[in-house]
Amino acid sequence: MKNIYFNVNKGFTLIEVLVSVMILSVGLLGIAALQTTSVKNVQSANFRGQATMLTANLIDRMRANREGTIDGDYISTISPLQTPDYCNESMCTPRELALDDLTTWYENIEKLLGNSTTVNAEITCDNGTVDCPIGSIITVTISWQERINKKEDDLNRDGKGSGDGFTVKYYSTGFQL
């Protein structure tokens, strides 16, 4: 009697290996895209958190210097050009303290959110005059640019993307004197 042996293949064929590698590469590309999106969102959240901290800091300074706030010394759309370098709380007038606070605040904005060409800050009073009487609403607004992808750029605001790959984000807080 003859022994019959069956040829039993063990292992994987080349096609099976190629399919497995293809599936693995698609999965890794998905993970890479997820990581990229995550990093972008973390940066955006960081900017929002910094803007929140900066506005709260200025509002605290304004509440501490009530006289300077009522006189409208904090109302500003640009960084002060000069600040008294000898200023501290015991030697300054309310106006000098306001200038010192604004200078420090604008410097912190540039350090934490970017340079002056991409970041704007504005402090306004609701009555539209140079002073802010008690009961006025003071608004502190910070805006900055963030990088976005083409799809987001195309959907930006009016449906017509700017095409530059950036969008402007705002954070605004108001408080009553």
N, C-alpha and C. Protein backbone atom coordinates (compact mmCIF):
# COMPACT_ATOMS: atom_id res chain seq x y z
N MET A 1 0.83 -1.16 0.00
CA MET A 1 0.00 0.00 0.00
C MET A 1 0.88 1.23 0.00
N LYS A 2 0.44 2.18 -0.76
CA LYS A 2 1.18 3.44 -0.87
C LYS A 2 0.65 4.47 0.13
N ASN A 3 1.60 5.21 0.69
CA ASN A 3 1.20 6.33 1.55
C ASN A 3 0.90 7.56 0.70
N ILE A 4 -0.22 8.16 0.96
CA ILE A 4 -0.59 9.38 0.21
C ILE A 4 -0.38 10.59 1.14
N TYR A 5 0.39 11.50 0.66
CA TYR A 5 0.65 12.72 1.43
C TYR A 5 -0.07 13.88 0.75
N PHE A 6 -0.73 14.64 1.52
CA PHE A 6 -1.40 15.83 1.00
C PHE A 6 -0.48 17.03 1.22
N ASN A 7 -0.42 17.86 0.23
CA ASN A 7 0.41 19.06 0.32
C ASN A 7 -0.39 20.13 1.08
N VAL A 8 -0.08 20.34 2.32
CA VAL A 8 -0.76 21.32 3.15
C VAL A 8 0.15 22.54 3.28
N ASN A 9 -0.37 23.68 2.79
CA ASN A 9 0.41 24.92 2.88
C ASN A 9 0.30 25.48 4.29
N LYS A 10 1.39 25.87 4.80
CA LYS A 10 1.41 26.52 6.12
C LYS A 10 2.01 27.90 5.92
N GLY A 11 1.44 28.90 6.61
CA GLY A 11 1.96 30.26 6.49
C GLY A 11 1.03 31.13 5.67
N PHE A 12 1.52 32.30 5.29
CA PHE A 12 0.72 33.28 4.57
C PHE A 12 1.21 33.40 3.14
N THR A 13 0.28 33.77 2.27
CA THR A 13 0.67 34.04 0.90
C THR A 13 1.05 35.50 0.78
N LEU A 14 1.67 35.85 -0.31
CA LEU A 14 2.10 37.24 -0.54
C LEU A 14 0.90 38.19 -0.60
N ILE A 15 -0.18 37.77 -1.17
CA ILE A 15 -1.38 38.63 -1.27
C ILE A 15 -1.95 38.91 0.11
N GLU A 16 -2.00 37.92 0.96
CA GLU A 16 -2.49 38.13 2.32
C GLU A 16 -1.63 39.14 3.07
N VAL A 17 -0.32 39.02 2.91
CA VAL A 17 0.59 39.96 3.57
C VAL A 17 0.38 41.37 3.04
N LEU A 18 0.24 41.53 1.73
CA LEU A 18 0.02 42.86 1.15
C LEU A 18 -1.28 43.49 1.63
N VAL A 19 -2.34 42.70 1.71
CA VAL A 19 -3.62 43.21 2.21
C VAL A 19 -3.48 43.64 3.67
N SER A 20 -2.79 42.85 4.46
CA SER A 20 -2.59 43.21 5.88
C SER A 20 -1.79 44.50 6.01
N VAL A 21 -0.74 44.66 5.21
CA VAL A 21 0.06 45.88 5.25
C VAL A 21 -0.78 47.08 4.82
N MET A 22 -1.63 46.91 3.82
CA MET A 22 -2.48 48.00 3.35
C MET A 22 -3.46 48.44 4.44
N ILE A 23 -4.08 47.50 5.10
CA ILE A 23 -5.02 47.82 6.19
C ILE A 23 -4.28 48.52 7.34
N LEU A 24 -3.12 48.04 7.68
CA LEU A 24 -2.33 48.66 8.74
C LEU A 24 -1.93 50.08 8.37
N SER A 25 -1.53 50.31 7.12
CA SER A 25 -1.12 51.67 6.71
C SER A 25 -2.28 52.64 6.72
N VAL A 26 -3.48 52.20 6.33
CA VAL A 26 -4.66 53.08 6.40
C VAL A 26 -4.95 53.45 7.85
N GLY A 27 -4.84 52.49 8.74
CA GLY A 27 -5.04 52.77 10.16
C GLY A 27 -4.03 53.74 10.72
N LEU A 28 -2.77 53.57 10.33
CA LEU A 28 -1.72 54.49 10.82
C LEU A 28 -1.91 55.90 10.26
N LEU A 29 -2.36 56.01 9.02
CA LEU A 29 -2.66 57.34 8.46
C LEU A 29 -3.79 58.01 9.23
N GLY A 30 -4.79 57.25 9.60
CA GLY A 30 -5.89 57.79 10.41
C GLY A 30 -5.41 58.29 11.76
N ILE A 31 -4.54 57.52 12.38
CA ILE A 31 -3.98 57.93 13.68
C ILE A 31 -3.15 59.20 13.52
N ALA A 32 -2.38 59.31 12.46
CA ALA A 32 -1.57 60.52 12.23
C ALA A 32 -2.47 61.74 12.03
N ALA A 33 -3.56 61.59 11.27
CA ALA A 33 -4.49 62.70 11.06
C ALA A 33 -5.15 63.10 12.38
N LEU A 34 -5.51 62.14 13.19
CA LEU A 34 -6.10 62.41 14.49
C LEU A 34 -5.12 63.17 15.39
N GLN A 35 -3.86 62.78 15.37
CA GLN A 35 -2.83 63.46 16.16
C GLN A 35 -2.66 64.91 15.71
N THR A 36 -2.65 65.14 14.41
CA THR A 36 -2.50 66.50 13.88
C THR A 36 -3.67 67.38 14.32
N THR A 37 -4.88 66.86 14.21
CA THR A 37 -6.06 67.61 14.63
C THR A 37 -6.01 67.89 16.13
N SER A 38 -5.57 66.93 16.89
CA SER A 38 -5.47 67.09 18.34
C SER A 38 -4.50 68.20 18.71
N VAL A 39 -3.35 68.24 18.07
CA VAL A 39 -2.35 69.28 18.35
C VAL A 39 -2.92 70.66 18.02
N LYS A 40 -3.62 70.78 16.89
CA LYS A 40 -4.21 72.06 16.50
C LYS A 40 -5.26 72.51 17.51
N ASN A 41 -6.09 71.58 17.97
CA ASN A 41 -7.13 71.92 18.94
C ASN A 41 -6.54 72.28 20.30
N VAL A 42 -5.47 71.64 20.68
CA VAL A 42 -4.81 71.99 21.94
C VAL A 42 -4.25 73.42 21.87
N GLN A 43 -3.66 73.78 20.73
CA GLN A 43 -3.14 75.14 20.56
C GLN A 43 -4.26 76.17 20.62
N SER A 44 -5.38 75.87 19.98
CA SER A 44 -6.53 76.77 20.00
C SER A 44 -7.06 76.94 21.42
N ALA A 45 -7.17 75.85 22.16
CA ALA A 45 -7.63 75.92 23.54
C ALA A 45 -6.64 76.69 24.41
N ASN A 46 -5.36 76.54 24.14
CA ASN A 46 -4.34 77.28 24.88
C ASN A 46 -4.51 78.79 24.65
N PHE A 47 -4.73 79.19 23.39
CA PHE A 47 -4.92 80.61 23.10
C PHE A 47 -6.16 81.15 23.81
N ARG A 48 -7.26 80.40 23.78
CA ARG A 48 -8.48 80.84 24.46
C ARG A 48 -8.25 80.97 25.96
N GLY A 49 -7.54 80.00 26.54
CA GLY A 49 -7.24 80.07 27.96
C GLY A 49 -6.36 81.26 28.32
N GLN A 50 -5.36 81.53 27.48
CA GLN A 50 -4.50 82.70 27.72
C GLN A 50 -5.30 84.00 27.61
N ALA A 51 -6.18 84.09 26.61
CA ALA A 51 -7.00 85.29 26.44
C ALA A 51 -7.91 85.50 27.64
N THR A 52 -8.48 84.42 28.15
CA THR A 52 -9.33 84.51 29.34
C THR A 52 -8.54 85.01 30.54
N MET A 53 -7.35 84.46 30.74
CA MET A 53 -6.51 84.87 31.86
C MET A 53 -6.08 86.33 31.74
N LEU A 54 -5.74 86.74 30.52
CA LEU A 54 -5.30 88.13 30.31
C LEU A 54 -6.42 89.13 30.54
N THR A 55 -7.63 88.83 30.07
CA THR A 55 -8.74 89.77 30.30
C THR A 55 -9.09 89.83 31.78
N ALA A 56 -9.08 88.70 32.46
CA ALA A 56 -9.37 88.70 33.90
C ALA A 56 -8.30 89.50 34.66
N ASN A 57 -7.05 89.38 34.23
CA ASN A 57 -5.96 90.13 34.86
C ASN A 57 -6.18 91.63 34.72
N LEU A 58 -6.53 92.08 33.52
CA LEU A 58 -6.74 93.52 33.32
C LEU A 58 -7.96 94.00 34.09
N ILE A 59 -9.02 93.22 34.11
CA ILE A 59 -10.22 93.63 34.85
C ILE A 59 -9.90 93.77 36.33
N ASP A 60 -9.11 92.86 36.89
CA ASP A 60 -8.69 93.00 38.29
C ASP A 60 -7.87 94.27 38.50
N ARG A 61 -6.99 94.58 37.57
CA ARG A 61 -6.20 95.81 37.68
C ARG A 61 -7.10 97.05 37.61
N MET A 62 -8.10 97.00 36.75
CA MET A 62 -9.02 98.13 36.61
C MET A 62 -9.86 98.31 37.88
N ARG A 63 -10.28 97.22 38.47
CA ARG A 63 -11.06 97.31 39.72
C ARG A 63 -10.20 97.84 40.86
N ALA A 64 -8.91 97.50 40.86
CA ALA A 64 -8.01 97.99 41.90
C ALA A 64 -7.72 99.48 41.73
N ASN A 65 -7.74 99.97 40.52
CA ASN A 65 -7.50 101.39 40.22
C ASN A 65 -8.82 102.02 39.77
N ARG A 66 -9.78 102.03 40.67
CA ARG A 66 -11.14 102.50 40.34
C ARG A 66 -11.14 103.93 39.82
N GLU A 67 -10.35 104.81 40.43
CA GLU A 67 -10.33 106.22 40.00
C GLU A 67 -9.83 106.34 38.56
N GLY A 68 -8.78 105.62 38.23
CA GLY A 68 -8.27 105.64 36.86
C GLY A 68 -9.26 105.06 35.87
N THR A 69 -10.01 104.04 36.30
CA THR A 69 -11.02 103.43 35.44
C THR A 69 -12.17 104.40 35.19
N ILE A 70 -12.65 105.06 36.23
CA ILE A 70 -13.75 106.02 36.09
C ILE A 70 -13.32 107.19 35.20
N ASP A 71 -12.07 107.64 35.31
CA ASP A 71 -11.57 108.75 34.48
C ASP A 71 -11.33 108.33 33.03
N GLY A 72 -11.45 107.04 32.72
CA GLY A 72 -11.28 106.56 31.34
C GLY A 72 -9.83 106.34 30.94
N ASP A 73 -8.95 106.22 31.93
CA ASP A 73 -7.52 106.05 31.62
C ASP A 73 -7.19 104.68 31.03
N TYR A 74 -8.10 103.73 31.16
CA TYR A 74 -7.87 102.39 30.61
C TYR A 74 -8.45 102.22 29.21
N ILE A 75 -9.29 103.14 28.77
CA ILE A 75 -9.93 103.01 27.46
C ILE A 75 -8.84 103.12 26.40
N SER A 76 -8.71 102.05 25.60
CA SER A 76 -7.57 101.99 24.69
C SER A 76 -7.83 100.98 23.58
N THR A 77 -7.24 101.27 22.42
CA THR A 77 -7.25 100.28 21.33
C THR A 77 -5.82 99.94 20.91
N ILE A 78 -4.85 100.67 21.44
CA ILE A 78 -3.45 100.40 21.11
C ILE A 78 -2.61 100.44 22.38
N SER A 79 -1.46 99.81 22.33
CA SER A 79 -0.55 99.79 23.46
C SER A 79 0.01 101.18 23.69
N PRO A 80 0.11 101.61 24.95
CA PRO A 80 0.72 102.92 25.24
C PRO A 80 2.17 102.95 24.77
N LEU A 81 2.59 104.11 24.29
CA LEU A 81 3.96 104.24 23.79
C LEU A 81 4.97 104.34 24.93
N GLN A 82 4.55 104.95 26.01
CA GLN A 82 5.48 105.13 27.13
C GLN A 82 4.78 104.75 28.42
N THR A 83 5.57 104.36 29.37
CA THR A 83 5.06 104.10 30.71
C THR A 83 6.06 104.67 31.71
N PRO A 84 5.56 105.22 32.79
CA PRO A 84 6.51 105.72 33.79
C PRO A 84 7.30 104.56 34.38
N ASP A 85 8.62 104.62 34.26
CA ASP A 85 9.44 103.51 34.73
C ASP A 85 9.65 103.54 36.24
N TYR A 86 9.23 104.60 36.89
CA TYR A 86 9.36 104.67 38.33
C TYR A 86 8.06 104.28 39.04
N CYS A 87 7.08 103.83 38.28
CA CYS A 87 5.73 103.63 38.82
C CYS A 87 5.63 102.40 39.69
N ASN A 88 5.11 102.59 40.86
CA ASN A 88 4.61 101.49 41.68
C ASN A 88 3.37 102.01 42.40
N GLU A 89 2.62 101.16 43.02
CA GLU A 89 1.31 101.56 43.55
C GLU A 89 1.36 102.72 44.53
N SER A 90 2.46 102.92 45.25
CA SER A 90 2.50 103.98 46.26
C SER A 90 2.95 105.32 45.68
N MET A 91 3.53 105.34 44.47
CA MET A 91 4.08 106.59 43.95
C MET A 91 3.34 107.10 42.71
N CYS A 92 2.43 106.35 42.16
CA CYS A 92 1.80 106.72 40.90
C CYS A 92 0.48 107.43 41.10
N THR A 93 0.16 108.27 40.15
CA THR A 93 -1.19 108.79 40.07
C THR A 93 -2.05 107.70 39.43
N PRO A 94 -3.37 107.79 39.54
CA PRO A 94 -4.21 106.77 38.91
C PRO A 94 -3.97 106.67 37.39
N ARG A 95 -3.71 107.79 36.74
CA ARG A 95 -3.44 107.77 35.29
C ARG A 95 -2.11 107.04 34.99
N GLU A 96 -1.07 107.33 35.77
CA GLU A 96 0.21 106.67 35.57
C GLU A 96 0.11 105.16 35.83
N LEU A 97 -0.66 104.81 36.88
CA LEU A 97 -0.85 103.39 37.17
C LEU A 97 -1.60 102.69 36.03
N ALA A 98 -2.59 103.38 35.45
CA ALA A 98 -3.33 102.81 34.32
C ALA A 98 -2.40 102.60 33.12
N LEU A 99 -1.53 103.59 32.85
CA LEU A 99 -0.57 103.42 31.75
C LEU A 99 0.39 102.26 32.01
N ASP A 100 0.82 102.14 33.24
CA ASP A 100 1.72 101.03 33.60
C ASP A 100 0.99 99.69 33.45
N ASP A 101 -0.25 99.63 33.92
CA ASP A 101 -1.04 98.40 33.78
C ASP A 101 -1.24 98.04 32.32
N LEU A 102 -1.60 99.03 31.49
CA LEU A 102 -1.83 98.77 30.06
C LEU A 102 -0.56 98.31 29.35
N THR A 103 0.55 98.96 29.67
CA THR A 103 1.82 98.56 29.05
C THR A 103 2.16 97.12 29.40
N THR A 104 2.06 96.77 30.67
CA THR A 104 2.34 95.41 31.12
C THR A 104 1.38 94.43 30.46
N TRP A 105 0.10 94.80 30.37
CA TRP A 105 -0.92 93.93 29.79
C TRP A 105 -0.66 93.67 28.31
N TYR A 106 -0.37 94.74 27.56
CA TYR A 106 -0.08 94.57 26.13
C TYR A 106 1.20 93.75 25.90
N GLU A 107 2.20 93.94 26.76
CA GLU A 107 3.42 93.13 26.65
C GLU A 107 3.11 91.65 26.88
N ASN A 108 2.26 91.36 27.86
CA ASN A 108 1.88 89.98 28.14
C ASN A 108 1.07 89.38 26.99
N ILE A 109 0.23 90.18 26.37
CA ILE A 109 -0.55 89.71 25.21
C ILE A 109 0.40 89.28 24.10
N GLU A 110 1.37 90.11 23.80
CA GLU A 110 2.32 89.78 22.72
C GLU A 110 3.15 88.54 23.07
N LYS A 111 3.52 88.40 24.34
CA LYS A 111 4.30 87.22 24.74
C LYS A 111 3.48 85.93 24.63
N LEU A 112 2.22 85.99 25.03
CA LEU A 112 1.42 84.78 25.14
C LEU A 112 0.61 84.44 23.88
N LEU A 113 0.23 85.46 23.11
CA LEU A 113 -0.65 85.20 21.96
C LEU A 113 -0.02 85.50 20.61
N GLY A 114 1.07 86.21 20.56
CA GLY A 114 1.69 86.49 19.27
C GLY A 114 2.06 87.95 19.14
N ASN A 115 2.60 88.30 17.98
CA ASN A 115 3.07 89.68 17.80
C ASN A 115 1.92 90.63 17.49
N SER A 116 2.21 91.92 17.43
CA SER A 116 1.17 92.94 17.31
C SER A 116 0.49 92.94 15.94
N THR A 117 1.04 92.26 14.95
CA THR A 117 0.36 92.21 13.66
C THR A 117 -0.73 91.16 13.62
N THR A 118 -0.69 90.18 14.52
CA THR A 118 -1.71 89.14 14.52
C THR A 118 -2.64 89.21 15.73
N VAL A 119 -2.35 90.06 16.70
CA VAL A 119 -3.14 90.16 17.92
C VAL A 119 -3.60 91.60 18.11
N ASN A 120 -4.88 91.75 18.45
CA ASN A 120 -5.42 93.08 18.76
C ASN A 120 -6.13 93.02 20.10
N ALA A 121 -6.10 94.13 20.81
CA ALA A 121 -6.81 94.22 22.08
C ALA A 121 -7.50 95.58 22.14
N GLU A 122 -8.66 95.58 22.77
CA GLU A 122 -9.43 96.82 22.81
C GLU A 122 -10.20 96.88 24.12
N ILE A 123 -10.18 98.05 24.75
CA ILE A 123 -10.95 98.27 25.97
C ILE A 123 -11.88 99.43 25.68
N THR A 124 -13.18 99.21 25.81
CA THR A 124 -14.17 100.24 25.48
C THR A 124 -15.16 100.40 26.62
N CYS A 125 -15.78 101.57 26.66
CA CYS A 125 -16.82 101.87 27.63
C CYS A 125 -18.12 102.06 26.86
N ASP A 126 -19.23 101.56 27.40
CA ASP A 126 -20.49 101.56 26.65
C ASP A 126 -21.09 102.94 26.43
N ASN A 127 -20.67 103.95 27.19
CA ASN A 127 -21.28 105.26 27.02
C ASN A 127 -20.67 106.07 25.87
N GLY A 128 -19.56 105.62 25.32
CA GLY A 128 -18.97 106.28 24.15
C GLY A 128 -18.20 107.55 24.46
N THR A 129 -18.02 107.89 25.71
CA THR A 129 -17.27 109.10 26.06
C THR A 129 -15.89 108.69 26.58
N VAL A 130 -15.09 109.70 26.91
CA VAL A 130 -13.74 109.42 27.38
C VAL A 130 -13.70 108.90 28.80
N ASP A 131 -14.72 109.17 29.58
CA ASP A 131 -14.73 108.66 30.94
C ASP A 131 -15.75 107.52 31.05
N CYS A 132 -15.68 106.80 32.15
CA CYS A 132 -16.59 105.68 32.39
C CYS A 132 -17.22 105.86 33.76
N PRO A 133 -18.35 106.56 33.83
CA PRO A 133 -18.96 106.76 35.14
C PRO A 133 -19.43 105.45 35.77
N ILE A 134 -19.66 105.49 37.06
CA ILE A 134 -20.12 104.31 37.78
C ILE A 134 -21.42 103.83 37.14
N GLY A 135 -21.51 102.52 36.93
CA GLY A 135 -22.67 101.93 36.27
C GLY A 135 -22.42 101.63 34.80
N SER A 136 -21.30 102.14 34.25
CA SER A 136 -20.97 101.87 32.85
C SER A 136 -20.53 100.42 32.69
N ILE A 137 -20.71 99.91 31.48
CA ILE A 137 -20.22 98.58 31.13
C ILE A 137 -18.92 98.75 30.36
N ILE A 138 -17.86 98.16 30.87
CA ILE A 138 -16.56 98.20 30.20
C ILE A 138 -16.33 96.84 29.55
N THR A 139 -15.93 96.85 28.28
CA THR A 139 -15.71 95.61 27.54
C THR A 139 -14.23 95.49 27.19
N VAL A 140 -13.66 94.34 27.48
CA VAL A 140 -12.27 94.03 27.15
C VAL A 140 -12.31 92.92 26.10
N THR A 141 -11.73 93.20 24.92
CA THR A 141 -11.77 92.25 23.80
C THR A 141 -10.35 91.99 23.32
N ILE A 142 -10.04 90.71 23.11
CA ILE A 142 -8.76 90.32 22.52
C ILE A 142 -9.08 89.48 21.29
N SER A 143 -8.36 89.75 20.20
CA SER A 143 -8.50 88.92 19.00
C SER A 143 -7.12 88.45 18.56
N TRP A 144 -7.07 87.27 17.97
CA TRP A 144 -5.81 86.70 17.51
C TRP A 144 -6.09 85.83 16.30
N GLN A 145 -5.03 85.51 15.56
CA GLN A 145 -5.16 84.66 14.38
C GLN A 145 -4.75 83.24 14.71
N GLU A 146 -5.50 82.30 14.12
CA GLU A 146 -5.16 80.88 14.24
C GLU A 146 -5.12 80.27 12.85
N ARG A 147 -4.21 79.33 12.68
CA ARG A 147 -4.11 78.61 11.41
C ARG A 147 -5.27 77.61 11.30
N ILE A 148 -5.87 77.54 10.11
CA ILE A 148 -6.95 76.60 9.85
C ILE A 148 -6.65 75.84 8.56
N ASN A 149 -7.36 74.74 8.35
CA ASN A 149 -7.15 73.98 7.12
C ASN A 149 -8.03 74.55 6.00
N LYS A 150 -7.84 74.11 4.79
CA LYS A 150 -8.54 74.65 3.63
C LYS A 150 -10.05 74.49 3.75
N LYS A 151 -10.51 73.35 4.24
CA LYS A 151 -11.96 73.13 4.36
C LYS A 151 -12.56 74.15 5.32
N GLU A 152 -11.91 74.37 6.47
CA GLU A 152 -12.39 75.38 7.42
C GLU A 152 -12.32 76.77 6.81
N ASP A 153 -11.26 77.04 6.05
CA ASP A 153 -11.09 78.35 5.41
C ASP A 153 -12.22 78.61 4.42
N ASP A 154 -12.63 77.59 3.69
CA ASP A 154 -13.71 77.74 2.72
C ASP A 154 -15.05 78.01 3.40
N LEU A 155 -15.23 77.49 4.60
CA LEU A 155 -16.49 77.67 5.33
C LEU A 155 -16.47 78.87 6.27
N ASN A 156 -15.38 79.59 6.29
CA ASN A 156 -15.16 80.67 7.25
C ASN A 156 -16.18 81.81 7.06
N ARG A 157 -16.83 82.19 8.14
CA ARG A 157 -17.76 83.31 8.26
C ARG A 157 -18.76 83.45 7.13
N ASP A 158 -18.43 84.12 6.04
CA ASP A 158 -19.40 84.44 4.99
C ASP A 158 -19.47 83.38 3.90
N GLY A 159 -18.86 82.23 4.12
CA GLY A 159 -18.87 81.19 3.12
C GLY A 159 -17.80 81.35 2.07
N LYS A 160 -17.11 82.46 2.08
CA LYS A 160 -16.00 82.70 1.15
C LYS A 160 -14.73 82.73 1.97
N GLY A 161 -13.91 81.74 1.82
CA GLY A 161 -12.66 81.69 2.58
C GLY A 161 -11.71 82.80 2.15
N SER A 162 -10.92 83.24 3.09
CA SER A 162 -9.94 84.28 2.78
C SER A 162 -8.79 83.72 1.95
N GLY A 163 -8.59 82.43 2.04
CA GLY A 163 -7.54 81.80 1.25
C GLY A 163 -6.16 81.90 1.85
N ASP A 164 -6.02 82.57 3.00
CA ASP A 164 -4.69 82.71 3.59
C ASP A 164 -4.39 81.64 4.63
N GLY A 165 -5.37 80.78 4.94
CA GLY A 165 -5.14 79.71 5.90
C GLY A 165 -5.23 80.13 7.35
N PHE A 166 -5.77 81.32 7.63
CA PHE A 166 -5.91 81.81 8.99
C PHE A 166 -7.33 82.28 9.23
N THR A 167 -7.74 82.26 10.48
CA THR A 167 -9.01 82.83 10.88
C THR A 167 -8.77 83.66 12.13
N VAL A 168 -9.63 84.64 12.36
CA VAL A 168 -9.51 85.51 13.54
C VAL A 168 -10.46 85.00 14.61
N LYS A 169 -9.94 84.78 15.81
CA LYS A 169 -10.74 84.35 16.96
C LYS A 169 -10.83 85.51 17.94
N TYR A 170 -11.95 85.60 18.65
CA TYR A 170 -12.19 86.69 19.59
C TYR A 170 -12.52 86.14 20.97
N TYR A 171 -12.11 86.89 21.97
CA TYR A 171 -12.57 86.65 23.33
C TYR A 171 -12.91 88.01 23.92
N SER A 172 -14.11 88.13 24.44
CA SER A 172 -14.57 89.42 24.96
C SER A 172 -15.25 89.21 26.31
N THR A 173 -14.97 90.12 27.23
CA THR A 173 -15.59 90.09 28.56
C THR A 173 -16.01 91.50 28.93
N GLY A 174 -17.18 91.61 29.52
CA GLY A 174 -17.65 92.91 29.99
C GLY A 174 -17.89 92.88 31.48
N PHE A 175 -17.75 94.03 32.11
CA PHE A 175 -18.08 94.14 33.52
C PHE A 175 -18.60 95.53 33.81
N GLN A 176 -19.36 95.64 34.88
CA GLN A 176 -19.98 96.91 35.24
C GLN A 176 -19.23 97.52 36.42
N LEU A 177 -18.99 98.81 36.30
CA LEU A 177 -18.34 99.52 37.40
C LEU A 177 -19.28 99.71 38.55
